[in-house]
N, C-alpha and C. Protein backbone atom coordinates (compact mmCIF):
# COMPACT_ATOMS: atom_id res chain seq x y z
N MET A 1 48.29 35.11 46.64
CA MET A 1 47.71 36.04 47.58
C MET A 1 48.85 36.89 48.15
N HIS A 2 48.55 38.14 48.37
CA HIS A 2 49.54 39.06 48.93
C HIS A 2 48.97 39.70 50.19
N LEU A 3 49.84 39.88 51.17
CA LEU A 3 49.46 40.53 52.42
C LEU A 3 50.63 41.40 52.87
N TYR A 4 50.37 42.69 53.02
CA TYR A 4 51.43 43.63 53.41
C TYR A 4 51.00 44.43 54.64
N ASP A 5 51.96 44.81 55.45
CA ASP A 5 51.73 45.72 56.57
C ASP A 5 52.10 47.11 56.08
N LEU A 6 51.11 47.85 55.60
CA LEU A 6 51.38 49.14 54.98
C LEU A 6 51.89 50.19 55.96
N ALA A 7 51.65 49.99 57.25
CA ALA A 7 52.15 50.94 58.25
C ALA A 7 53.67 50.87 58.35
N THR A 8 54.24 49.68 58.16
CA THR A 8 55.69 49.53 58.27
C THR A 8 56.36 49.27 56.93
N ASP A 9 55.58 48.95 55.91
CA ASP A 9 56.14 48.62 54.59
C ASP A 9 55.28 49.24 53.49
N PRO A 10 55.25 50.58 53.40
CA PRO A 10 54.39 51.22 52.42
C PRO A 10 54.78 50.90 50.97
N GLY A 11 55.99 50.45 50.76
CA GLY A 11 56.45 50.09 49.42
C GLY A 11 56.07 48.67 49.01
N GLU A 12 55.37 47.97 49.90
CA GLU A 12 54.94 46.60 49.66
C GLU A 12 56.09 45.71 49.16
N THR A 13 57.15 45.67 49.97
CA THR A 13 58.32 44.89 49.60
C THR A 13 58.38 43.53 50.28
N ARG A 14 57.58 43.33 51.33
CA ARG A 14 57.63 42.07 52.08
C ARG A 14 56.24 41.46 52.18
N ASN A 15 56.00 40.42 51.41
CA ASN A 15 54.71 39.73 51.41
C ASN A 15 54.63 38.85 52.64
N LEU A 16 53.64 39.09 53.50
CA LEU A 16 53.49 38.37 54.76
C LEU A 16 52.51 37.19 54.66
N ALA A 17 51.97 36.92 53.49
CA ALA A 17 50.93 35.89 53.35
C ALA A 17 51.40 34.52 53.83
N ALA A 18 52.60 34.12 53.51
CA ALA A 18 53.09 32.80 53.92
C ALA A 18 53.29 32.71 55.43
N GLU A 19 53.59 33.84 56.06
CA GLU A 19 53.81 33.86 57.50
C GLU A 19 52.50 33.94 58.29
N GLN A 20 51.43 34.39 57.64
CA GLN A 20 50.15 34.58 58.33
C GLN A 20 49.00 33.93 57.55
N PRO A 21 49.08 32.61 57.35
CA PRO A 21 48.05 31.95 56.54
C PRO A 21 46.64 32.05 57.14
N ARG A 22 46.54 32.06 58.45
CA ARG A 22 45.22 32.16 59.09
C ARG A 22 44.58 33.51 58.79
N ARG A 23 45.37 34.57 58.85
CA ARG A 23 44.86 35.91 58.56
C ARG A 23 44.41 36.00 57.10
N VAL A 24 45.19 35.42 56.21
CA VAL A 24 44.82 35.41 54.79
C VAL A 24 43.50 34.65 54.61
N ALA A 25 43.36 33.50 55.26
CA ALA A 25 42.13 32.71 55.15
C ALA A 25 40.93 33.49 55.70
N ASP A 26 41.11 34.16 56.83
CA ASP A 26 40.02 34.94 57.42
C ASP A 26 39.60 36.09 56.50
N MET A 27 40.58 36.78 55.94
CA MET A 27 40.28 37.90 55.06
C MET A 27 39.63 37.42 53.76
N THR A 28 40.09 36.30 53.24
CA THR A 28 39.51 35.73 52.03
C THR A 28 38.05 35.34 52.27
N ALA A 29 37.78 34.75 53.42
CA ALA A 29 36.41 34.36 53.76
C ALA A 29 35.52 35.59 53.91
N ALA A 30 36.03 36.63 54.55
CA ALA A 30 35.25 37.86 54.72
C ALA A 30 34.94 38.50 53.37
N TYR A 31 35.91 38.51 52.50
CA TYR A 31 35.71 39.06 51.16
C TYR A 31 34.67 38.24 50.41
N GLY A 32 34.77 36.92 50.50
CA GLY A 32 33.82 36.04 49.84
C GLY A 32 32.40 36.28 50.32
N ALA A 33 32.24 36.53 51.61
CA ALA A 33 30.91 36.81 52.16
C ALA A 33 30.34 38.11 51.59
N LEU A 34 31.18 39.11 51.41
CA LEU A 34 30.73 40.37 50.83
C LEU A 34 30.29 40.17 49.38
N VAL A 35 31.06 39.41 48.63
CA VAL A 35 30.72 39.16 47.23
C VAL A 35 29.42 38.37 47.15
N THR A 36 29.28 37.35 47.98
CA THR A 36 28.07 36.53 47.97
C THR A 36 26.84 37.37 48.32
N ALA A 37 27.01 38.28 49.28
CA ALA A 37 25.90 39.15 49.69
C ALA A 37 25.59 40.21 48.64
N GLY A 38 26.54 40.44 47.73
CA GLY A 38 26.32 41.43 46.68
C GLY A 38 26.47 42.86 47.13
N ARG A 39 26.99 43.05 48.35
CA ARG A 39 27.16 44.40 48.86
C ARG A 39 28.09 44.39 50.07
N SER A 40 28.63 45.56 50.38
CA SER A 40 29.47 45.70 51.56
C SER A 40 28.88 46.69 52.56
N THR A 41 27.68 47.15 52.27
CA THR A 41 27.01 48.10 53.15
C THR A 41 25.81 47.42 53.82
N PRO A 42 25.30 47.99 54.89
CA PRO A 42 24.13 47.38 55.53
C PRO A 42 22.93 47.33 54.59
N GLY A 43 22.12 46.33 54.80
CA GLY A 43 20.91 46.21 54.00
C GLY A 43 20.72 44.80 53.49
N PRO A 44 19.66 44.58 52.77
CA PRO A 44 19.39 43.23 52.27
C PRO A 44 20.41 42.83 51.22
N ALA A 45 20.57 41.53 51.05
CA ALA A 45 21.48 41.02 50.03
C ALA A 45 21.03 41.54 48.67
N ALA A 46 22.01 41.78 47.81
CA ALA A 46 21.72 42.27 46.46
C ALA A 46 22.17 41.23 45.45
N LYS A 47 21.51 41.20 44.32
CA LYS A 47 21.86 40.24 43.29
C LYS A 47 23.12 40.72 42.58
N ASN A 48 24.06 39.80 42.37
CA ASN A 48 25.25 40.13 41.61
C ASN A 48 24.89 40.21 40.13
N ASP A 49 25.55 41.10 39.41
CA ASP A 49 25.27 41.29 37.98
C ASP A 49 25.79 40.13 37.13
N VAL A 50 26.80 39.45 37.62
CA VAL A 50 27.41 38.34 36.87
C VAL A 50 27.58 37.15 37.81
N ALA A 51 27.83 36.00 37.22
CA ALA A 51 28.08 34.81 38.04
C ALA A 51 29.36 35.02 38.85
N VAL A 52 29.31 34.62 40.10
CA VAL A 52 30.46 34.79 40.98
C VAL A 52 31.29 33.51 40.94
N ARG A 53 32.55 33.65 40.61
CA ARG A 53 33.47 32.52 40.59
C ARG A 53 34.64 32.84 41.50
N PRO A 54 34.96 31.95 42.43
CA PRO A 54 36.07 32.22 43.35
C PRO A 54 37.41 32.20 42.63
N TYR A 55 38.31 33.01 43.12
CA TYR A 55 39.69 32.98 42.62
C TYR A 55 40.62 32.94 43.80
N PRO A 56 41.55 32.04 43.84
CA PRO A 56 41.72 30.99 42.85
C PRO A 56 40.56 30.01 42.90
N PRO A 57 40.30 29.32 41.79
CA PRO A 57 39.18 28.37 41.77
C PRO A 57 39.28 27.34 42.90
N GLU A 58 38.14 27.00 43.47
CA GLU A 58 38.13 25.99 44.54
C GLU A 58 38.45 24.64 43.94
N ARG A 59 39.09 23.80 44.72
CA ARG A 59 39.45 22.47 44.22
C ARG A 59 38.61 21.42 44.86
């Protein structure tokens, strides 16, 4: 996982993921919710065209 502060590091030279694991977890969960809902816009859940598999795979 990669996390960059583009305002101060536009060249993406310093990965902050190890320093901010909670933020990474929150963002990963939010992304997962969007994928599960099949959309990122308001409205009813939509069916995904393919099976959704998390990455990295859950253990």
